[in-house]
Amino acid sequence: MDGMQREELERLMFFEQTREKAAAGYARNPKDADNLTRWGGALLELAHFRQGQDSIDMVQDAVKKLEEALQIKPRKHDALWCLGNAHTSQGFLVTDTDKANSYFKKAARCFQQALDEEPNNELYLKALEMTEKAPSLHQELQKQLASQQVILGGGTPSPSAATSKGGKKKKKKQKESDFKYDVMGWIVLAVGVIAWAGLAKSSMPPPPPPSLNS
């Protein structure tokens, strides 16, 4: 296993443990806004390891947890920031432009509210700036997907190729899904998921760094 794979596995295990610990904490105290925020943030991170409907469902679950935290503490800036990331991810997971832009507007409001609570937080400011670019990035994503469809679906199939039509469709869908996954992961990482080291430290230690011997 190379260094990148090991690092990804460590991140997956870290956030799975964070989710499990948050779920146990919620059973003891459902009014703990900090715990709900960690839970929602962990679900959002774990969504990056899923694809298709599984990813969409996990992001939606993250939104619910974060909104629950904000019902308890409406001005909780880290929950607002995480919710903004969740809405940004939702925007990139839909193809409809109007629906995507609606999510991006929700994200911008969350980031602005977080920034209002902590005006000097560069992370929140960066998130707000990135969200302003989200509609054009979403448009570029759709162009890339359309281009892939043309490339993967072009040409007249031979009789032998026709027998593998189902397999090609599956591969095409897989590539499209992979591309969406990459963009969703990129946009959320771009606005500062690295801050999780600070957000989650009260729950458990950060994941170990990759081995130098990898």
N, C-alpha and C. Protein backbone atom coordinates (compact mmCIF):
# COMPACT_ATOMS: atom_id res chain seq x y z
N MET A 1 0.85 -1.20 0.00
CA MET A 1 0.00 0.00 0.00
C MET A 1 0.88 1.24 0.00
N ASP A 2 0.70 2.16 -0.97
CA ASP A 2 1.54 3.34 -1.03
C ASP A 2 1.08 4.37 0.00
N GLY A 3 1.88 5.48 0.08
CA GLY A 3 1.60 6.49 1.09
C GLY A 3 0.23 7.12 0.96
N MET A 4 -0.19 7.39 -0.28
CA MET A 4 -1.49 8.03 -0.50
C MET A 4 -2.63 7.12 -0.05
N GLN A 5 -2.54 5.85 -0.41
CA GLN A 5 -3.58 4.91 0.00
C GLN A 5 -3.63 4.78 1.52
N ARG A 6 -2.46 4.75 2.16
CA ARG A 6 -2.41 4.63 3.61
C ARG A 6 -3.02 5.86 4.26
N GLU A 7 -2.70 7.02 3.72
CA GLU A 7 -3.24 8.26 4.28
C GLU A 7 -4.76 8.31 4.14
N GLU A 8 -5.26 7.88 2.99
CA GLU A 8 -6.71 7.84 2.78
C GLU A 8 -7.38 6.88 3.74
N LEU A 9 -6.76 5.73 3.95
CA LEU A 9 -7.31 4.73 4.87
C LEU A 9 -7.32 5.28 6.30
N GLU A 10 -6.26 5.98 6.67
CA GLU A 10 -6.20 6.56 8.02
C GLU A 10 -7.27 7.63 8.21
N ARG A 11 -7.50 8.42 7.17
CA ARG A 11 -8.55 9.43 7.24
C ARG A 11 -9.93 8.78 7.38
N LEU A 12 -10.14 7.73 6.59
CA LEU A 12 -11.41 7.01 6.65
C LEU A 12 -11.64 6.45 8.05
N MET A 13 -10.62 5.81 8.62
CA MET A 13 -10.75 5.22 9.95
C MET A 13 -10.97 6.30 11.01
N PHE A 14 -10.28 7.41 10.87
CA PHE A 14 -10.40 8.51 11.83
C PHE A 14 -11.82 9.04 11.87
N PHE A 15 -12.39 9.31 10.70
CA PHE A 15 -13.72 9.88 10.66
C PHE A 15 -14.81 8.87 10.98
N GLU A 16 -14.55 7.60 10.69
CA GLU A 16 -15.49 6.56 11.10
C GLU A 16 -15.54 6.49 12.63
N GLN A 17 -14.38 6.57 13.26
CA GLN A 17 -14.32 6.55 14.72
C GLN A 17 -14.96 7.80 15.31
N THR A 18 -14.74 8.94 14.65
CA THR A 18 -15.36 10.18 15.12
C THR A 18 -16.88 10.08 15.04
N ARG A 19 -17.38 9.51 13.95
CA ARG A 19 -18.82 9.34 13.79
C ARG A 19 -19.39 8.42 14.87
N GLU A 20 -18.70 7.30 15.10
CA GLU A 20 -19.18 6.35 16.10
C GLU A 20 -19.19 6.97 17.50
N LYS A 21 -18.14 7.72 17.82
CA LYS A 21 -18.06 8.35 19.13
C LYS A 21 -19.14 9.42 19.27
N ALA A 22 -19.40 10.16 18.19
CA ALA A 22 -20.44 11.20 18.23
C ALA A 22 -21.82 10.58 18.39
N ALA A 23 -22.06 9.45 17.73
CA ALA A 23 -23.36 8.78 17.86
C ALA A 23 -23.58 8.32 19.30
N ALA A 24 -22.51 7.80 19.93
CA ALA A 24 -22.61 7.37 21.32
C ALA A 24 -22.84 8.57 22.23
N GLY A 25 -22.16 9.68 21.93
CA GLY A 25 -22.33 10.89 22.72
C GLY A 25 -23.74 11.46 22.60
N TYR A 26 -24.31 11.34 21.41
CA TYR A 26 -25.66 11.85 21.19
C TYR A 26 -26.68 11.07 22.01
N ALA A 27 -26.44 9.76 22.16
CA ALA A 27 -27.34 8.92 22.95
C ALA A 27 -27.35 9.37 24.41
N ARG A 28 -26.19 9.86 24.88
CA ARG A 28 -26.09 10.33 26.26
C ARG A 28 -26.64 11.74 26.42
N ASN A 29 -26.37 12.59 25.42
CA ASN A 29 -26.79 13.99 25.50
C ASN A 29 -27.11 14.53 24.11
N PRO A 30 -28.37 14.48 23.70
CA PRO A 30 -28.76 14.94 22.36
C PRO A 30 -28.72 16.46 22.18
N LYS A 31 -28.43 17.19 23.25
CA LYS A 31 -28.41 18.65 23.18
C LYS A 31 -26.99 19.22 23.15
N ASP A 32 -26.03 18.37 22.91
CA ASP A 32 -24.63 18.81 22.83
C ASP A 32 -24.33 19.29 21.41
N ALA A 33 -24.31 20.60 21.22
CA ALA A 33 -24.13 21.17 19.88
C ALA A 33 -22.73 20.87 19.33
N ASP A 34 -21.73 20.84 20.21
CA ASP A 34 -20.37 20.53 19.76
C ASP A 34 -20.31 19.11 19.20
N ASN A 35 -20.94 18.20 19.90
CA ASN A 35 -20.94 16.80 19.45
C ASN A 35 -21.68 16.65 18.13
N LEU A 36 -22.80 17.33 17.99
CA LEU A 36 -23.56 17.28 16.74
C LEU A 36 -22.75 17.85 15.58
N THR A 37 -21.98 18.88 15.86
CA THR A 37 -21.14 19.48 14.81
C THR A 37 -20.06 18.51 14.37
N ARG A 38 -19.42 17.85 15.34
CA ARG A 38 -18.41 16.85 14.99
C ARG A 38 -19.04 15.71 14.19
N TRP A 39 -20.24 15.31 14.58
CA TRP A 39 -20.94 14.23 13.88
C TRP A 39 -21.23 14.63 12.43
N GLY A 40 -21.79 15.81 12.26
CA GLY A 40 -22.09 16.28 10.91
C GLY A 40 -20.85 16.44 10.07
N GLY A 41 -19.78 16.98 10.66
CA GLY A 41 -18.53 17.14 9.92
C GLY A 41 -17.92 15.81 9.53
N ALA A 42 -17.99 14.82 10.43
CA ALA A 42 -17.45 13.49 10.11
C ALA A 42 -18.24 12.85 8.96
N LEU A 43 -19.56 13.00 8.99
CA LEU A 43 -20.39 12.46 7.91
C LEU A 43 -20.05 13.11 6.57
N LEU A 44 -19.80 14.42 6.61
CA LEU A 44 -19.45 15.13 5.38
C LEU A 44 -18.13 14.63 4.82
N GLU A 45 -17.16 14.39 5.70
CA GLU A 45 -15.88 13.85 5.25
C GLU A 45 -16.05 12.44 4.70
N LEU A 46 -16.83 11.62 5.40
CA LEU A 46 -17.02 10.23 4.96
C LEU A 46 -17.74 10.16 3.62
N ALA A 47 -18.56 11.17 3.32
CA ALA A 47 -19.26 11.19 2.03
C ALA A 47 -18.28 11.21 0.87
N HIS A 48 -17.07 11.73 1.10
CA HIS A 48 -16.07 11.80 0.03
C HIS A 48 -15.52 10.42 -0.32
N PHE A 49 -15.75 9.45 0.57
CA PHE A 49 -15.30 8.09 0.30
C PHE A 49 -16.41 7.25 -0.33
N ARG A 50 -17.57 7.87 -0.52
CA ARG A 50 -18.70 7.18 -1.14
C ARG A 50 -18.94 7.76 -2.53
N GLN A 51 -19.77 7.09 -3.30
CA GLN A 51 -20.12 7.58 -4.62
C GLN A 51 -21.61 7.42 -4.86
N GLY A 52 -22.12 8.16 -5.85
CA GLY A 52 -23.52 8.03 -6.22
C GLY A 52 -24.47 8.41 -5.10
N GLN A 53 -25.56 7.65 -5.00
CA GLN A 53 -26.60 7.95 -4.04
C GLN A 53 -26.11 7.83 -2.59
N ASP A 54 -25.16 6.94 -2.36
CA ASP A 54 -24.61 6.79 -1.00
C ASP A 54 -23.97 8.10 -0.54
N SER A 55 -23.24 8.74 -1.43
CA SER A 55 -22.61 10.01 -1.10
C SER A 55 -23.65 11.09 -0.86
N ILE A 56 -24.66 11.15 -1.72
CA ILE A 56 -25.73 12.16 -1.58
C ILE A 56 -26.46 11.98 -0.26
N ASP A 57 -26.78 10.73 0.08
CA ASP A 57 -27.51 10.46 1.33
C ASP A 57 -26.68 10.84 2.55
N MET A 58 -25.37 10.58 2.50
CA MET A 58 -24.53 10.88 3.66
C MET A 58 -24.37 12.39 3.84
N VAL A 59 -24.27 13.13 2.74
CA VAL A 59 -24.20 14.59 2.84
C VAL A 59 -25.50 15.13 3.44
N GLN A 60 -26.63 14.57 3.01
CA GLN A 60 -27.92 15.01 3.54
C GLN A 60 -28.01 14.71 5.04
N ASP A 61 -27.48 13.58 5.45
CA ASP A 61 -27.46 13.24 6.88
C ASP A 61 -26.60 14.23 7.64
N ALA A 62 -25.47 14.63 7.04
CA ALA A 62 -24.61 15.63 7.66
C ALA A 62 -25.36 16.95 7.85
N VAL A 63 -26.12 17.34 6.83
CA VAL A 63 -26.90 18.58 6.90
C VAL A 63 -27.88 18.53 8.08
N LYS A 64 -28.54 17.40 8.24
CA LYS A 64 -29.51 17.26 9.34
C LYS A 64 -28.84 17.43 10.70
N LYS A 65 -27.67 16.80 10.87
CA LYS A 65 -26.96 16.90 12.15
C LYS A 65 -26.51 18.33 12.41
N LEU A 66 -26.02 19.00 11.40
CA LEU A 66 -25.54 20.36 11.56
C LEU A 66 -26.69 21.33 11.82
N GLU A 67 -27.80 21.12 11.15
CA GLU A 67 -28.97 21.96 11.40
C GLU A 67 -29.50 21.74 12.82
N GLU A 68 -29.39 20.51 13.30
CA GLU A 68 -29.81 20.22 14.67
C GLU A 68 -28.91 20.95 15.67
N ALA A 69 -27.61 20.99 15.37
CA ALA A 69 -26.67 21.72 16.23
C ALA A 69 -27.02 23.21 16.26
N LEU A 70 -27.40 23.74 15.10
CA LEU A 70 -27.71 25.17 15.00
C LEU A 70 -29.06 25.52 15.62
N GLN A 71 -29.93 24.54 15.76
CA GLN A 71 -31.18 24.78 16.49
C GLN A 71 -30.88 25.00 17.98
N ILE A 72 -29.83 24.33 18.44
CA ILE A 72 -29.43 24.48 19.84
C ILE A 72 -28.61 25.77 20.03
N LYS A 73 -27.66 26.00 19.10
CA LYS A 73 -26.81 27.20 19.15
C LYS A 73 -26.81 27.85 17.77
N PRO A 74 -27.77 28.74 17.50
CA PRO A 74 -27.92 29.33 16.16
C PRO A 74 -26.70 30.11 15.67
N ARG A 75 -25.85 30.57 16.57
CA ARG A 75 -24.70 31.38 16.15
C ARG A 75 -23.39 30.60 16.23
N LYS A 76 -23.48 29.29 16.25
CA LYS A 76 -22.28 28.45 16.36
C LYS A 76 -21.53 28.48 15.03
N HIS A 77 -20.42 29.21 14.99
CA HIS A 77 -19.77 29.50 13.71
C HIS A 77 -19.18 28.27 13.04
N ASP A 78 -18.61 27.31 13.82
CA ASP A 78 -18.03 26.14 13.17
C ASP A 78 -19.10 25.24 12.56
N ALA A 79 -20.28 25.21 13.18
CA ALA A 79 -21.40 24.45 12.60
C ALA A 79 -21.89 25.12 11.33
N LEU A 80 -21.93 26.45 11.33
CA LEU A 80 -22.32 27.20 10.13
C LEU A 80 -21.35 26.94 9.00
N TRP A 81 -20.06 26.92 9.33
CA TRP A 81 -19.03 26.67 8.31
C TRP A 81 -19.18 25.26 7.72
N CYS A 82 -19.36 24.27 8.60
CA CYS A 82 -19.54 22.89 8.12
C CYS A 82 -20.80 22.76 7.27
N LEU A 83 -21.87 23.44 7.69
CA LEU A 83 -23.12 23.38 6.92
C LEU A 83 -22.93 24.02 5.56
N GLY A 84 -22.16 25.09 5.50
CA GLY A 84 -21.86 25.70 4.21
C GLY A 84 -21.12 24.74 3.29
N ASN A 85 -20.16 23.99 3.85
CA ASN A 85 -19.46 22.97 3.06
C ASN A 85 -20.40 21.89 2.57
N ALA A 86 -21.35 21.51 3.44
CA ALA A 86 -22.32 20.48 3.06
C ALA A 86 -23.19 20.94 1.90
N HIS A 87 -23.67 22.18 1.98
CA HIS A 87 -24.50 22.72 0.89
C HIS A 87 -23.68 22.85 -0.40
N THR A 88 -22.41 23.21 -0.27
CA THR A 88 -21.55 23.28 -1.45
C THR A 88 -21.44 21.92 -2.11
N SER A 89 -21.24 20.88 -1.30
CA SER A 89 -21.16 19.52 -1.82
C SER A 89 -22.45 19.11 -2.51
N GLN A 90 -23.59 19.48 -1.88
CA GLN A 90 -24.89 19.16 -2.49
C GLN A 90 -25.01 19.80 -3.86
N GLY A 91 -24.53 21.01 -3.98
CA GLY A 91 -24.60 21.70 -5.26
C GLY A 91 -23.83 20.98 -6.35
N PHE A 92 -22.66 20.45 -6.00
CA PHE A 92 -21.84 19.76 -7.00
C PHE A 92 -22.33 18.35 -7.29
N LEU A 93 -23.23 17.84 -6.47
CA LEU A 93 -23.74 16.49 -6.68
C LEU A 93 -25.03 16.46 -7.51
N VAL A 94 -25.52 17.63 -7.92
CA VAL A 94 -26.70 17.67 -8.78
C VAL A 94 -26.31 18.23 -10.14
N THR A 95 -27.05 17.86 -11.16
CA THR A 95 -26.74 18.33 -12.51
C THR A 95 -27.53 19.58 -12.88
N ASP A 96 -28.70 19.75 -12.28
CA ASP A 96 -29.54 20.89 -12.61
C ASP A 96 -28.91 22.19 -12.12
N THR A 97 -28.72 23.14 -13.02
CA THR A 97 -28.02 24.39 -12.69
C THR A 97 -28.76 25.21 -11.65
N ASP A 98 -30.08 25.35 -11.80
CA ASP A 98 -30.84 26.15 -10.85
C ASP A 98 -30.79 25.55 -9.45
N LYS A 99 -30.92 24.24 -9.38
CA LYS A 99 -30.88 23.57 -8.08
C LYS A 99 -29.49 23.71 -7.46
N ALA A 100 -28.47 23.55 -8.28
CA ALA A 100 -27.10 23.69 -7.78
C ALA A 100 -26.86 25.10 -7.24
N ASN A 101 -27.30 26.11 -7.99
CA ASN A 101 -27.10 27.49 -7.56
C ASN A 101 -27.86 27.80 -6.28
N SER A 102 -29.00 27.13 -6.10
CA SER A 102 -29.75 27.30 -4.86
C SER A 102 -28.94 26.80 -3.66
N TYR A 103 -28.27 25.66 -3.84
CA TYR A 103 -27.42 25.14 -2.78
C TYR A 103 -26.23 26.08 -2.52
N PHE A 104 -25.66 26.61 -3.60
CA PHE A 104 -24.51 27.50 -3.44
C PHE A 104 -24.90 28.78 -2.69
N LYS A 105 -26.12 29.26 -2.93
CA LYS A 105 -26.60 30.44 -2.21
C LYS A 105 -26.77 30.14 -0.72
N LYS A 106 -27.29 28.95 -0.43
CA LYS A 106 -27.41 28.53 0.97
C LYS A 106 -26.03 28.47 1.63
N ALA A 107 -25.07 27.92 0.88
CA ALA A 107 -23.71 27.82 1.40
C ALA A 107 -23.14 29.20 1.68
N ALA A 108 -23.33 30.12 0.75
CA ALA A 108 -22.81 31.47 0.93
C ALA A 108 -23.40 32.14 2.17
N ARG A 109 -24.69 31.93 2.41
CA ARG A 109 -25.32 32.51 3.60
C ARG A 109 -24.70 31.93 4.87
N CYS A 110 -24.45 30.63 4.86
CA CYS A 110 -23.84 29.99 6.03
C CYS A 110 -22.43 30.53 6.28
N PHE A 111 -21.64 30.63 5.21
CA PHE A 111 -20.28 31.13 5.36
C PHE A 111 -20.28 32.59 5.82
N GLN A 112 -21.22 33.38 5.31
CA GLN A 112 -21.31 34.78 5.72
C GLN A 112 -21.69 34.89 7.20
N GLN A 113 -22.61 34.05 7.64
CA GLN A 113 -23.01 34.05 9.04
C GLN A 113 -21.85 33.64 9.94
N ALA A 114 -21.09 32.63 9.49
CA ALA A 114 -19.92 32.20 10.25
C ALA A 114 -18.90 33.33 10.34
N LEU A 115 -18.72 34.03 9.22
CA LEU A 115 -17.77 35.14 9.18
C LEU A 115 -18.25 36.30 10.05
N ASP A 116 -19.56 36.52 10.10
CA ASP A 116 -20.10 37.56 10.96
C ASP A 116 -19.78 37.30 12.43
N GLU A 117 -19.77 36.02 12.80
CA GLU A 117 -19.47 35.64 14.17
C GLU A 117 -17.98 35.74 14.47
N GLU A 118 -17.16 35.47 13.45
CA GLU A 118 -15.70 35.55 13.61
C GLU A 118 -15.11 36.29 12.40
N PRO A 119 -15.18 37.63 12.43
CA PRO A 119 -14.78 38.43 11.26
C PRO A 119 -13.32 38.25 10.83
N ASN A 120 -12.45 37.81 11.72
CA ASN A 120 -11.03 37.68 11.38
C ASN A 120 -10.64 36.27 10.99
N ASN A 121 -11.62 35.40 10.84
CA ASN A 121 -11.33 34.01 10.50
C ASN A 121 -11.08 33.88 8.99
N GLU A 122 -9.82 33.65 8.62
CA GLU A 122 -9.44 33.57 7.21
C GLU A 122 -10.07 32.36 6.52
N LEU A 123 -10.29 31.31 7.27
CA LEU A 123 -10.90 30.10 6.72
C LEU A 123 -12.32 30.39 6.23
N TYR A 124 -13.08 31.11 7.03
CA TYR A 124 -14.46 31.42 6.66
C TYR A 124 -14.48 32.39 5.48
N LEU A 125 -13.54 33.32 5.46
CA LEU A 125 -13.46 34.26 4.34
C LEU A 125 -13.11 33.52 3.05
N LYS A 126 -12.17 32.59 3.14
CA LYS A 126 -11.79 31.81 1.96
C LYS A 126 -12.96 30.98 1.46
N ALA A 127 -13.72 30.40 2.39
CA ALA A 127 -14.88 29.60 2.02
C ALA A 127 -15.89 30.44 1.25
N LEU A 128 -16.11 31.67 1.73
CA LEU A 128 -17.06 32.56 1.07
C LEU A 128 -16.58 32.93 -0.33
N GLU A 129 -15.29 33.18 -0.47
CA GLU A 129 -14.72 33.51 -1.77
C GLU A 129 -14.85 32.34 -2.75
N MET A 130 -14.59 31.13 -2.26
CA MET A 130 -14.68 29.95 -3.12
C MET A 130 -16.11 29.71 -3.58
N THR A 131 -17.06 29.97 -2.69
CA THR A 131 -18.46 29.73 -3.04
C THR A 131 -18.92 30.68 -4.15
N GLU A 132 -18.34 31.86 -4.21
CA GLU A 132 -18.68 32.79 -5.29
C GLU A 132 -18.29 32.21 -6.65
N LYS A 133 -17.27 31.36 -6.65
CA LYS A 133 -16.81 30.74 -7.90
C LYS A 133 -17.54 29.43 -8.20
N ALA A 134 -18.31 28.95 -7.23
CA ALA A 134 -18.94 27.63 -7.37
C ALA A 134 -19.83 27.49 -8.61
N PRO A 135 -20.70 28.49 -8.93
CA PRO A 135 -21.55 28.32 -10.12
C PRO A 135 -20.76 28.08 -11.40
N SER A 136 -19.66 28.83 -11.59
CA SER A 136 -18.87 28.63 -12.81
C SER A 136 -18.14 27.29 -12.78
N LEU A 137 -17.71 26.85 -11.59
CA LEU A 137 -17.07 25.55 -11.47
C LEU A 137 -18.06 24.43 -11.76
N HIS A 138 -19.30 24.61 -11.29
CA HIS A 138 -20.34 23.62 -11.56
C HIS A 138 -20.61 23.53 -13.05
N GLN A 139 -20.64 24.67 -13.71
CA GLN A 139 -20.88 24.70 -15.15
C GLN A 139 -19.76 23.97 -15.89
N GLU A 140 -18.52 24.17 -15.43
CA GLU A 140 -17.39 23.49 -16.05
C GLU A 140 -17.46 21.99 -15.81
N LEU A 141 -17.92 21.60 -14.63
CA LEU A 141 -18.10 20.18 -14.33
C LEU A 141 -19.07 19.53 -15.31
N GLN A 142 -20.19 20.20 -15.56
CA GLN A 142 -21.19 19.64 -16.46
C GLN A 142 -20.65 19.53 -17.88
N LYS A 143 -19.81 20.49 -18.29
CA LYS A 143 -19.19 20.43 -19.61
C LYS A 143 -18.25 19.22 -19.71
N GLN A 144 -17.48 19.01 -18.63
CA GLN A 144 -16.55 17.89 -18.61
C GLN A 144 -17.30 16.56 -18.69
N LEU A 145 -18.39 16.46 -17.95
CA LEU A 145 -19.19 15.23 -17.98
C LEU A 145 -19.80 15.00 -19.35
N ALA A 146 -20.29 16.07 -19.97
CA ALA A 146 -20.87 15.95 -21.31
C ALA A 146 -19.80 15.53 -22.31
N SER A 147 -18.60 16.07 -22.14
CA SER A 147 -17.50 15.71 -23.04
C SER A 147 -17.13 14.25 -22.88
N GLN A 148 -17.12 13.78 -21.64
CA GLN A 148 -16.82 12.37 -21.40
C GLN A 148 -17.86 11.46 -22.02
N GLN A 149 -19.13 11.88 -21.97
CA GLN A 149 -20.20 11.09 -22.55
C GLN A 149 -20.01 10.95 -24.05
N VAL A 150 -19.59 12.04 -24.69
CA VAL A 150 -19.36 12.01 -26.14
C VAL A 150 -18.21 11.08 -26.48
N ILE A 151 -17.11 11.21 -25.72
CA ILE A 151 -15.92 10.39 -25.98
C ILE A 151 -16.20 8.91 -25.73
N LEU A 152 -16.84 8.64 -24.62
CA LEU A 152 -17.08 7.24 -24.24
C LEU A 152 -18.20 6.60 -25.05
N GLY A 153 -19.11 7.43 -25.57
CA GLY A 153 -20.26 6.89 -26.28
C GLY A 153 -20.16 7.01 -27.78
N GLY A 154 -19.04 7.57 -28.30
CA GLY A 154 -18.91 7.81 -29.73
C GLY A 154 -18.62 6.56 -30.54
N GLY A 155 -18.87 6.66 -31.87
CA GLY A 155 -18.54 5.56 -32.76
C GLY A 155 -19.67 4.56 -32.91
N THR A 156 -19.62 3.79 -33.97
CA THR A 156 -20.62 2.75 -34.23
C THR A 156 -20.10 1.42 -33.73
N PRO A 157 -20.81 0.80 -32.80
CA PRO A 157 -20.29 -0.46 -32.22
C PRO A 157 -20.32 -1.61 -33.21
N SER A 158 -19.31 -2.45 -33.18
CA SER A 158 -19.28 -3.67 -34.00
C SER A 158 -20.14 -4.73 -33.31
N PRO A 159 -20.47 -5.83 -34.00
CA PRO A 159 -21.27 -6.88 -33.36
C PRO A 159 -20.66 -7.37 -32.06
N SER A 160 -19.33 -7.53 -32.06
CA SER A 160 -18.68 -8.02 -30.84
C SER A 160 -18.73 -6.97 -29.75
N ALA A 161 -18.62 -5.70 -30.16
CA ALA A 161 -18.66 -4.62 -29.17
C ALA A 161 -20.04 -4.49 -28.57
N ALA A 162 -21.05 -4.81 -29.39
CA ALA A 162 -22.42 -4.67 -28.90
C ALA A 162 -22.68 -5.58 -27.71
N THR A 163 -22.00 -6.72 -27.68
CA THR A 163 -22.23 -7.65 -26.57
C THR A 163 -21.71 -7.11 -25.25
N SER A 164 -20.78 -6.15 -25.35
CA SER A 164 -20.21 -5.59 -24.13
C SER A 164 -20.76 -4.19 -23.84
N LYS A 165 -21.90 -3.89 -24.48
CA LYS A 165 -22.49 -2.55 -24.34
C LYS A 165 -22.79 -2.24 -22.88
N GLY A 166 -23.35 -3.25 -22.17
CA GLY A 166 -23.69 -3.02 -20.77
C GLY A 166 -22.46 -2.70 -19.94
N GLY A 167 -21.35 -3.42 -20.24
CA GLY A 167 -20.12 -3.17 -19.51
C GLY A 167 -19.57 -1.79 -19.76
N LYS A 168 -19.67 -1.34 -21.02
CA LYS A 168 -19.18 0.00 -21.35
C LYS A 168 -20.01 1.07 -20.66
N LYS A 169 -21.33 0.88 -20.61
CA LYS A 169 -22.18 1.84 -19.93
C LYS A 169 -21.82 1.93 -18.45
N LYS A 170 -21.53 0.76 -17.88
CA LYS A 170 -21.17 0.73 -16.47
C LYS A 170 -19.88 1.49 -16.24
N LYS A 171 -18.89 1.27 -17.15
CA LYS A 171 -17.61 1.97 -17.02
C LYS A 171 -17.79 3.47 -17.20
N LYS A 172 -18.68 3.85 -18.14
CA LYS A 172 -18.93 5.27 -18.38
C LYS A 172 -19.51 5.92 -17.14
N LYS A 173 -20.49 5.27 -16.54
CA LYS A 173 -21.11 5.81 -15.33
C LYS A 173 -20.09 5.89 -14.20
N GLN A 174 -19.21 4.89 -14.15
CA GLN A 174 -18.19 4.88 -13.10
C GLN A 174 -17.25 6.07 -13.26
N LYS A 175 -16.84 6.35 -14.53
CA LYS A 175 -15.94 7.48 -14.77
C LYS A 175 -16.61 8.80 -14.44
N GLU A 176 -17.89 8.91 -14.80
CA GLU A 176 -18.61 10.14 -14.49
C GLU A 176 -18.72 10.31 -12.98
N SER A 177 -19.00 9.22 -12.29
CA SER A 177 -19.12 9.26 -10.83
C SER A 177 -17.79 9.63 -10.20
N ASP A 178 -16.69 9.04 -10.72
CA ASP A 178 -15.37 9.36 -10.20
C ASP A 178 -15.05 10.84 -10.36
N PHE A 179 -15.45 11.39 -11.52
CA PHE A 179 -15.16 12.80 -11.79
C PHE A 179 -15.94 13.69 -10.83
N LYS A 180 -17.20 13.37 -10.61
CA LYS A 180 -18.01 14.13 -9.65
C LYS A 180 -17.40 14.04 -8.25
N TYR A 181 -16.96 12.86 -7.90
CA TYR A 181 -16.36 12.63 -6.59
C TYR A 181 -15.12 13.51 -6.42
N ASP A 182 -14.28 13.54 -7.45
CA ASP A 182 -13.07 14.35 -7.38
C ASP A 182 -13.38 15.83 -7.20
N VAL A 183 -14.36 16.32 -7.95
CA VAL A 183 -14.69 17.75 -7.87
C VAL A 183 -15.30 18.08 -6.51
N MET A 184 -16.19 17.22 -6.03
CA MET A 184 -16.79 17.48 -4.73
C MET A 184 -15.72 17.50 -3.65
N GLY A 185 -14.82 16.52 -3.71
CA GLY A 185 -13.75 16.48 -2.74
C GLY A 185 -12.85 17.70 -2.84
N TRP A 186 -12.57 18.13 -4.07
CA TRP A 186 -11.69 19.27 -4.27
C TRP A 186 -12.29 20.54 -3.70
N ILE A 187 -13.56 20.80 -3.99
CA ILE A 187 -14.16 22.07 -3.57
C ILE A 187 -14.23 22.16 -2.05
N VAL A 188 -14.52 21.05 -1.38
CA VAL A 188 -14.60 21.09 0.07
C VAL A 188 -13.21 21.21 0.68
N LEU A 189 -12.26 20.48 0.13
CA LEU A 189 -10.89 20.60 0.62
C LEU A 189 -10.35 21.99 0.38
N ALA A 190 -10.75 22.60 -0.73
CA ALA A 190 -10.26 23.93 -1.08
C ALA A 190 -10.66 24.98 -0.06
N VAL A 191 -11.79 24.80 0.59
CA VAL A 191 -12.23 25.81 1.55
C VAL A 191 -11.79 25.48 2.97
N GLY A 192 -10.96 24.45 3.13
CA GLY A 192 -10.28 24.29 4.40
C GLY A 192 -10.67 23.17 5.31
N VAL A 193 -10.87 21.97 4.79
CA VAL A 193 -11.20 20.85 5.66
C VAL A 193 -10.04 20.52 6.60
N ILE A 194 -8.85 21.03 6.29
CA ILE A 194 -7.70 20.78 7.15
C ILE A 194 -7.95 21.30 8.57
N ALA A 195 -8.87 22.24 8.70
CA ALA A 195 -9.20 22.78 10.03
C ALA A 195 -9.82 21.74 10.93
N TRP A 196 -10.12 20.57 10.37
CA TRP A 196 -10.68 19.49 11.17
C TRP A 196 -9.76 19.09 12.32
N ALA A 197 -8.47 19.30 12.13
CA ALA A 197 -7.52 18.97 13.20
C ALA A 197 -7.88 19.72 14.46
N GLY A 198 -8.34 20.97 14.28
CA GLY A 198 -8.76 21.76 15.41
C GLY A 198 -10.16 21.43 15.86
N LEU A 199 -11.06 21.20 14.91
CA LEU A 199 -12.46 20.95 15.23
C LEU A 199 -12.65 19.63 15.96
N ALA A 200 -11.89 18.62 15.57
CA ALA A 200 -12.09 17.28 16.13
C ALA A 200 -11.18 16.96 17.31
N LYS A 201 -10.25 17.84 17.63
CA LYS A 201 -9.26 17.49 18.65
C LYS A 201 -9.89 17.28 20.02
N SER A 202 -11.02 17.92 20.27
CA SER A 202 -11.66 17.72 21.57
C SER A 202 -12.35 16.37 21.64
N SER A 203 -12.49 15.71 20.46
CA SER A 203 -13.15 14.40 20.43
C SER A 203 -12.15 13.27 20.51
N MET A 204 -11.04 13.40 19.74
CA MET A 204 -10.04 12.34 19.73
C MET A 204 -8.80 12.87 19.03
N PRO A 205 -7.64 12.21 19.18
CA PRO A 205 -6.42 12.71 18.54
C PRO A 205 -6.50 12.63 17.03
N PRO A 206 -5.77 13.49 16.32
CA PRO A 206 -5.79 13.48 14.86
C PRO A 206 -5.16 12.20 14.34
N PRO A 207 -5.47 11.85 13.08
CA PRO A 207 -4.88 10.63 12.50
C PRO A 207 -3.38 10.77 12.39
N PRO A 208 -2.63 9.67 12.51
CA PRO A 208 -1.16 9.75 12.43
C PRO A 208 -0.71 10.14 11.04
N PRO A 209 0.43 10.81 10.93
CA PRO A 209 0.95 11.20 9.60
C PRO A 209 1.40 9.99 8.83
N PRO A 210 1.47 10.09 7.49
CA PRO A 210 1.93 8.96 6.68
C PRO A 210 3.36 8.58 7.05
N SER A 211 3.69 7.30 6.92
CA SER A 211 5.02 6.83 7.23
C SER A 211 6.03 7.38 6.25
N LEU A 212 7.17 7.77 6.74
CA LEU A 212 8.23 8.28 5.86
C LEU A 212 8.86 7.17 5.04
N ASN A 213 8.59 5.94 5.42
CA ASN A 213 9.17 4.80 4.70
C ASN A 213 8.30 4.30 3.57
N SER A 214 7.14 4.97 3.34
CA SER A 214 6.23 4.49 2.31
C SER A 214 6.79 4.76 0.93
